[in-house]
Amino acid sequence: MTQPELDAVRARLSEFDRTYDRGIVLCVAAVDEVSALLIAVPGPDDDLESLLEALHAAGFVHWCRYLVMDEGEDQQEFLSALDLFAPVYSHEPEGVPDAVRSMFDDDPPDAGDVPDALAARALHLLRLAVGLADPSHS
């Protein structure tokens, strides 16, 4: 993974944390940045730490989108966040939001290994490519 993709996602998350402006995470650019990050990230055999950093950042974008979306429109974001957070939780439980950690503590994710996270990443990108995910909720 190149650092610029991760830096862009982290900057977006920082700005959202500072302002709580829902447009920061709901815009098309946020989805594009997450997609670029997930494309650029190395496989687990190349650099597990970088992969987990990328999954963590991408998971938080989806989590923030889930938090600000209207109920009923937020489920895909919730599920995407959980898929991305599962391997992070397996390696560092404190690295996921408290609500997710509590959920995973009660019912540990079956998809907690890195190959499943890569499959979730591929599914996310496929949905974007075929238009099943609507990134323009702003």
Foldseek 3Di string as FASTA:
>chain_A
DDPVLLVVLVVLVVVCVVPVPLCSLLAPVNLVSLLVLLVPFDACVVPVVSLLSSLLSSLVSLVSNLVPDDPPVNVVSVVLSLLSCLLVCVVPVVSDDPVSSVVCVVPPDPNNDRVSSNVSSVVSVVCVVVVVDDSNPD
